[in-house]
């Protein structure tokens, strides 16, 4: 019996079973491959060091008398970050400032793509009044603390696969100046990414 006669000798029911089995195997392979790709964790390249992204005079202006800039870095599944922190001293006029600037870069994780907005990178405050800002793809800031004892402004901005976080704590400075300073820092960092 030849191969050609074997195919012709198969019953229509057998041909249907083979066809259904082939379609099922193909569908399982496609679905499994899609699921694997969709849920894969892909670590992004590290974001650039943050301290060089902000001009030194900005740190001097917003955190007067600061010591050496402190850096921190870390990673989690599908994301990596770098921070630069300037801790100022209290001046004779009672003013004090601390500035922390961070850049997070997102990859793929948990079925979500690398877009900052898709990864919930904007992170608005839940129990504070959020103020939108025209910065990057989307940005928001909120204020904490009291004008009498010191304010803390937290700004987050998304741009592509990057999230920029600015935290500026200041005493002896009005809210408008704090907002203007933090937004300017965010603009400067985003312009260099």
C-alpha atoms as a PDB file:
ATOM      1  CA  UNK A   1       0.000   0.000   0.000  1.00  0.00           C
ATOM      2  CA  UNK A   2       1.412   3.380  -0.968  1.00  0.00           C
ATOM      3  CA  UNK A   3       1.115   6.677   0.868  1.00  0.00           C
ATOM      4  CA  UNK A   4      -1.292   7.966  -1.763  1.00  0.00           C
ATOM      5  CA  UNK A   5      -3.549   4.957  -1.343  1.00  0.00           C
ATOM      6  CA  UNK A   6      -3.469   5.385   2.455  1.00  0.00           C
ATOM      7  CA  UNK A   7      -4.803   8.922   2.167  1.00  0.00           C
ATOM      8  CA  UNK A   8      -7.508   7.844  -0.202  1.00  0.00           C
ATOM      9  CA  UNK A   9      -8.312   4.884   2.018  1.00  0.00           C
ATOM     10  CA  UNK A  10      -8.975   7.132   5.049  1.00  0.00           C
ATOM     11  CA  UNK A  11     -12.593   7.507   5.897  1.00  0.00           C
ATOM     12  CA  UNK A  12     -14.190  10.973   5.843  1.00  0.00           C
ATOM     13  CA  UNK A  13     -14.636  10.755   9.636  1.00  0.00           C
ATOM     14  CA  UNK A  14     -10.873  10.191  10.101  1.00  0.00           C
ATOM     15  CA  UNK A  15     -10.029  13.147   7.870  1.00  0.00           C
ATOM     16  CA  UNK A  16     -12.377  15.361   9.878  1.00  0.00           C
ATOM     17  CA  UNK A  17     -10.778  14.226  13.153  1.00  0.00           C
ATOM     18  CA  UNK A  18      -7.280  14.956  11.875  1.00  0.00           C
ATOM     19  CA  UNK A  19      -8.386  18.381  10.613  1.00  0.00           C
ATOM     20  CA  UNK A  20     -10.071  19.245  13.938  1.00  0.00           C
ATOM     21  CA  UNK A  21      -7.002  18.056  15.860  1.00  0.00           C
ATOM     22  CA  UNK A  22      -4.707  20.154  13.642  1.00  0.00           C
ATOM     23  CA  UNK A  23      -6.884  23.259  14.137  1.00  0.00           C
ATOM     24  CA  UNK A  24      -6.965  22.709  17.906  1.00  0.00           C
ATOM     25  CA  UNK A  25      -3.178  22.307  18.113  1.00  0.00           C
ATOM     26  CA  UNK A  26      -2.683  25.418  15.992  1.00  0.00           C
ATOM     27  CA  UNK A  27      -5.171  27.458  18.073  1.00  0.00           C
ATOM     28  CA  UNK A  28      -3.566  26.311  21.345  1.00  0.00           C
ATOM     29  CA  UNK A  29      -0.131  27.280  20.043  1.00  0.00           C
ATOM     30  CA  UNK A  30      -1.303  30.723  18.938  1.00  0.00           C
ATOM     31  CA  UNK A  31      -3.210  31.358  22.179  1.00  0.00           C
ATOM     32  CA  UNK A  32      -0.339  30.094  24.349  1.00  0.00           C
ATOM     33  CA  UNK A  33       2.191  32.190  22.440  1.00  0.00           C
ATOM     34  CA  UNK A  34      -0.012  35.261  22.720  1.00  0.00           C
ATOM     35  CA  UNK A  35      -0.509  34.699  26.462  1.00  0.00           C
ATOM     36  CA  UNK A  36       3.233  34.242  26.970  1.00  0.00           C
ATOM     37  CA  UNK A  37       4.039  37.401  25.037  1.00  0.00           C
ATOM     38  CA  UNK A  38       1.264  39.407  26.726  1.00  0.00           C
ATOM     39  CA  UNK A  39       2.260  38.460  30.281  1.00  0.00           C
ATOM     40  CA  UNK A  40       6.032  38.458  29.792  1.00  0.00           C
ATOM     41  CA  UNK A  41       8.080  40.794  31.964  1.00  0.00           C
ATOM     42  CA  UNK A  42      10.642  42.771  30.008  1.00  0.00           C
ATOM     43  CA  UNK A  43      13.039  44.897  32.030  1.00  0.00           C
ATOM     44  CA  UNK A  44      13.685  48.298  30.436  1.00  0.00           C
ATOM     45  CA  UNK A  45      17.100  49.864  30.060  1.00  0.00           C
ATOM     46  CA  UNK A  46      18.059  51.935  33.083  1.00  0.00           C
ATOM     47  CA  UNK A  47      17.014  55.582  32.918  1.00  0.00           C
ATOM     48  CA  UNK A  48      19.842  58.105  32.774  1.00  0.00           C
ATOM     49  CA  UNK A  49      21.369  59.395  36.022  1.00  0.00           C
ATOM     50  CA  UNK A  50      19.082  62.170  37.256  1.00  0.00           C
ATOM     51  CA  UNK A  51      21.499  64.629  38.901  1.00  0.00           C
ATOM     52  CA  UNK A  52      23.077  65.692  35.566  1.00  0.00           C
ATOM     53  CA  UNK A  53      19.587  66.306  34.113  1.00  0.00           C
ATOM     54  CA  UNK A  54      19.049  69.233  36.516  1.00  0.00           C
ATOM     55  CA  UNK A  55      21.346  72.245  36.399  1.00  0.00           C
ATOM     56  CA  UNK A  56      23.420  72.668  39.604  1.00  0.00           C
ATOM     57  CA  UNK A  57      22.117  76.225  40.093  1.00  0.00           C
ATOM     58  CA  UNK A  58      18.565  74.822  40.367  1.00  0.00           C
ATOM     59  CA  UNK A  59      19.619  72.670  43.328  1.00  0.00           C
ATOM     60  CA  UNK A  60      21.400  75.665  44.875  1.00  0.00           C
ATOM     61  CA  UNK A  61      18.349  77.898  44.420  1.00  0.00           C
ATOM     62  CA  UNK A  62      15.715  75.428  45.673  1.00  0.00           C
ATOM     63  CA  UNK A  63      17.755  73.673  48.389  1.00  0.00           C
ATOM     64  CA  UNK A  64      20.134  76.383  49.640  1.00  0.00           C
ATOM     65  CA  UNK A  65      23.132  75.141  51.563  1.00  0.00           C
ATOM     66  CA  UNK A  66      22.632  71.559  50.409  1.00  0.00           C
ATOM     67  CA  UNK A  67      25.430  69.079  50.896  1.00  0.00           C
ATOM     68  CA  UNK A  68      26.522  66.514  48.345  1.00  0.00           C
ATOM     69  CA  UNK A  69      23.703  65.316  46.122  1.00  0.00           C
ATOM     70  CA  UNK A  70      22.485  61.878  47.128  1.00  0.00           C
ATOM     71  CA  UNK A  71      21.490  59.323  44.513  1.00  0.00           C
ATOM     72  CA  UNK A  72      19.310  56.249  44.770  1.00  0.00           C
ATOM     73  CA  UNK A  73      18.418  53.627  42.225  1.00  0.00           C
ATOM     74  CA  UNK A  74      16.294  50.537  42.136  1.00  0.00           C
ATOM     75  CA  UNK A  75      14.146  48.233  40.112  1.00  0.00           C
ATOM     76  CA  UNK A  76      10.978  46.188  40.255  1.00  0.00           C
ATOM     77  CA  UNK A  77       9.497  43.811  37.691  1.00  0.00           C
ATOM     78  CA  UNK A  78       9.297  45.763  34.444  1.00  0.00           C
ATOM     79  CA  UNK A  79      10.630  49.078  35.784  1.00  0.00           C
ATOM     80  CA  UNK A  80      13.864  50.795  36.828  1.00  0.00           C
ATOM     81  CA  UNK A  81      14.402  54.151  38.517  1.00  0.00           C
ATOM     82  CA  UNK A  82      17.020  56.689  39.557  1.00  0.00           C
ATOM     83  CA  UNK A  83      16.652  59.531  42.068  1.00  0.00           C
ATOM     84  CA  UNK A  84      18.692  62.611  42.919  1.00  0.00           C
ATOM     85  CA  UNK A  85      18.142  64.240  46.319  1.00  0.00           C
ATOM     86  CA  UNK A  86      19.327  67.626  47.625  1.00  0.00           C
ATOM     87  CA  UNK A  87      18.713  68.360  51.313  1.00  0.00           C
ATOM     88  CA  UNK A  88      19.108  72.045  52.117  1.00  0.00           C
ATOM     89  CA  UNK A  89      19.868  73.680  55.441  1.00  0.00           C
ATOM     90  CA  UNK A  90      17.716  76.242  57.219  1.00  0.00           C
ATOM     91  CA  UNK A  91      18.974  79.720  56.336  1.00  0.00           C
ATOM     92  CA  UNK A  92      19.117  82.824  58.522  1.00  0.00           C
ATOM     93  CA  UNK A  93      15.820  83.940  56.987  1.00  0.00           C
ATOM     94  CA  UNK A  94      14.112  80.694  58.121  1.00  0.00           C
ATOM     95  CA  UNK A  95      13.803  79.369  54.589  1.00  0.00           C
ATOM     96  CA  UNK A  96      14.578  75.740  53.928  1.00  0.00           C
ATOM     97  CA  UNK A  97      14.201  73.533  50.881  1.00  0.00           C
ATOM     98  CA  UNK A  98      14.608  69.889  49.935  1.00  0.00           C
ATOM     99  CA  UNK A  99      14.368  68.667  46.366  1.00  0.00           C
ATOM    100  CA  UNK A 100      14.068  65.060  45.192  1.00  0.00           C
ATOM    101  CA  UNK A 101      13.830  64.304  41.489  1.00  0.00           C
ATOM    102  CA  UNK A 102      13.257  60.817  40.138  1.00  0.00           C
ATOM    103  CA  UNK A 103      13.007  59.198  36.727  1.00  0.00           C
ATOM    104  CA  UNK A 104      11.361  55.806  36.273  1.00  0.00           C
ATOM    105  CA  UNK A 105      11.535  53.903  33.003  1.00  0.00           C
ATOM    106  CA  UNK A 106       8.908  51.268  32.310  1.00  0.00           C
ATOM    107  CA  UNK A 107       9.132  48.001  30.404  1.00  0.00           C
ATOM    108  CA  UNK A 108       6.497  45.321  29.953  1.00  0.00           C
ATOM    109  CA  UNK A 109       5.042  43.645  33.046  1.00  0.00           C
ATOM    110  CA  UNK A 110       1.831  42.042  34.257  1.00  0.00           C
ATOM    111  CA  UNK A 111       0.210  42.144  30.841  1.00  0.00           C
ATOM    112  CA  UNK A 112       0.714  45.901  30.564  1.00  0.00           C
ATOM    113  CA  UNK A 113       2.882  47.659  28.013  1.00  0.00           C
ATOM    114  CA  UNK A 114       5.762  50.033  28.674  1.00  0.00           C
ATOM    115  CA  UNK A 115       3.772  53.257  28.391  1.00  0.00           C
ATOM    116  CA  UNK A 116       3.873  55.263  31.613  1.00  0.00           C
ATOM    117  CA  UNK A 117       0.151  55.953  31.393  1.00  0.00           C
ATOM    118  CA  UNK A 118      -0.643  52.267  30.735  1.00  0.00           C
ATOM    119  CA  UNK A 119       1.415  51.352  33.797  1.00  0.00           C
ATOM    120  CA  UNK A 120      -0.468  53.800  36.072  1.00  0.00           C
ATOM    121  CA  UNK A 121       2.665  55.910  36.318  1.00  0.00           C
ATOM    122  CA  UNK A 122       0.786  59.166  36.826  1.00  0.00           C
ATOM    123  CA  UNK A 123      -0.141  58.139  40.396  1.00  0.00           C
ATOM    124  CA  UNK A 124      -2.400  60.990  41.459  1.00  0.00           C
ATOM    125  CA  UNK A 125      -3.142  61.503  45.143  1.00  0.00           C
ATOM    126  CA  UNK A 126      -6.272  59.807  46.423  1.00  0.00           C
ATOM    127  CA  UNK A 127      -6.983  62.068  49.390  1.00  0.00           C
ATOM    128  CA  UNK A 128      -5.682  65.410  48.133  1.00  0.00           C
ATOM    129  CA  UNK A 129      -6.758  67.872  45.467  1.00  0.00           C
ATOM    130  CA  UNK A 130      -4.963  66.987  42.223  1.00  0.00           C
ATOM    131  CA  UNK A 131      -4.000  69.836  39.913  1.00  0.00           C
ATOM    132  CA  UNK A 132      -3.345  68.927  36.255  1.00  0.00           C
ATOM    133  CA  UNK A 133      -0.347  70.509  34.546  1.00  0.00           C
ATOM    134  CA  UNK A 134       0.449  70.764  30.821  1.00  0.00           C
ATOM    135  CA  UNK A 135       3.638  68.708  30.961  1.00  0.00           C
ATOM    136  CA  UNK A 136       4.597  65.607  28.950  1.00  0.00           C
ATOM    137  CA  UNK A 137       1.737  63.250  28.048  1.00  0.00           C
ATOM    138  CA  UNK A 138      -0.015  64.002  31.352  1.00  0.00           C
ATOM    139  CA  UNK A 139       1.008  65.509  34.677  1.00  0.00           C
ATOM    140  CA  UNK A 140      -0.531  66.279  38.038  1.00  0.00           C
ATOM    141  CA  UNK A 141       0.644  67.818  41.306  1.00  0.00           C
ATOM    142  CA  UNK A 142      -0.743  68.135  44.803  1.00  0.00           C
ATOM    143  CA  UNK A 143       0.279  69.997  47.927  1.00  0.00           C
ATOM    144  CA  UNK A 144       0.586  68.660  51.453  1.00  0.00           C
ATOM    145  CA  UNK A 145       1.335  70.327  54.768  1.00  0.00           C
ATOM    146  CA  UNK A 146       0.610  73.807  56.021  1.00  0.00           C
ATOM    147  CA  UNK A 147       1.890  77.140  54.689  1.00  0.00           C
ATOM    148  CA  UNK A 148       2.905  77.961  58.273  1.00  0.00           C
ATOM    149  CA  UNK A 149       4.994  74.867  58.961  1.00  0.00           C
ATOM    150  CA  UNK A 150       6.122  74.048  55.424  1.00  0.00           C
ATOM    151  CA  UNK A 151       4.662  72.698  52.233  1.00  0.00           C
ATOM    152  CA  UNK A 152       5.475  69.601  50.253  1.00  0.00           C
ATOM    153  CA  UNK A 153       4.628  69.550  46.571  1.00  0.00           C
ATOM    154  CA  UNK A 154       4.540  66.242  44.723  1.00  0.00           C
ATOM    155  CA  UNK A 155       4.507  66.309  40.940  1.00  0.00           C
ATOM    156  CA  UNK A 156       4.324  63.305  38.628  1.00  0.00           C
ATOM    157  CA  UNK A 157       4.530  63.531  34.852  1.00  0.00           C
ATOM    158  CA  UNK A 158       4.351  60.806  32.209  1.00  0.00           C
ATOM    159  CA  UNK A 159       6.107  61.009  28.856  1.00  0.00           C
ATOM    160  CA  UNK A 160       6.253  57.849  26.752  1.00  0.00           C
ATOM    161  CA  UNK A 161       7.948  55.140  28.825  1.00  0.00           C
ATOM    162  CA  UNK A 162       9.240  57.622  31.426  1.00  0.00           C
ATOM    163  CA  UNK A 163       7.736  58.926  34.653  1.00  0.00           C
ATOM    164  CA  UNK A 164       9.292  62.000  36.244  1.00  0.00           C
ATOM    165  CA  UNK A 165       8.615  62.598  39.930  1.00  0.00           C
ATOM    166  CA  UNK A 166       9.477  65.872  41.658  1.00  0.00           C
ATOM    167  CA  UNK A 167       9.093  66.318  45.396  1.00  0.00           C
ATOM    168  CA  UNK A 168       9.823  69.783  46.699  1.00  0.00           C
ATOM    169  CA  UNK A 169       9.537  70.552  50.413  1.00  0.00           C
ATOM    170  CA  UNK A 170       9.930  74.191  51.379  1.00  0.00           C
ATOM    171  CA  UNK A 171       9.353  76.557  54.279  1.00  0.00           C
ATOM    172  CA  UNK A 172       9.087  80.315  53.995  1.00  0.00           C
ATOM    173  CA  UNK A 173       8.000  80.202  50.326  1.00  0.00           C
ATOM    174  CA  UNK A 174       4.505  80.790  48.933  1.00  0.00           C
ATOM    175  CA  UNK A 175       2.510  78.082  47.177  1.00  0.00           C
ATOM    176  CA  UNK A 176       2.733  79.766  43.757  1.00  0.00           C
ATOM    177  CA  UNK A 177       6.545  79.816  43.936  1.00  0.00           C
ATOM    178  CA  UNK A 178       6.663  76.166  45.036  1.00  0.00           C
ATOM    179  CA  UNK A 179       4.452  75.108  42.117  1.00  0.00           C
ATOM    180  CA  UNK A 180       6.420  77.181  39.618  1.00  0.00           C
ATOM    181  CA  UNK A 181       9.724  75.729  40.837  1.00  0.00           C
ATOM    182  CA  UNK A 182       8.584  72.092  40.725  1.00  0.00           C
ATOM    183  CA  UNK A 183       7.017  72.445  37.266  1.00  0.00           C
ATOM    184  CA  UNK A 184      10.220  74.084  35.975  1.00  0.00           C
ATOM    185  CA  UNK A 185      12.285  71.165  37.315  1.00  0.00           C
ATOM    186  CA  UNK A 186       9.904  68.685  35.678  1.00  0.00           C
ATOM    187  CA  UNK A 187      10.159  70.549  32.359  1.00  0.00           C
ATOM    188  CA  UNK A 188      13.937  70.593  32.526  1.00  0.00           C
ATOM    189  CA  UNK A 189      14.181  66.846  33.155  1.00  0.00           C
ATOM    190  CA  UNK A 190      11.622  65.918  30.481  1.00  0.00           C
ATOM    191  CA  UNK A 191      13.422  68.113  27.940  1.00  0.00           C
ATOM    192  CA  UNK A 192      16.614  66.078  28.435  1.00  0.00           C
ATOM    193  CA  UNK A 193      15.075  62.592  28.240  1.00  0.00           C
END
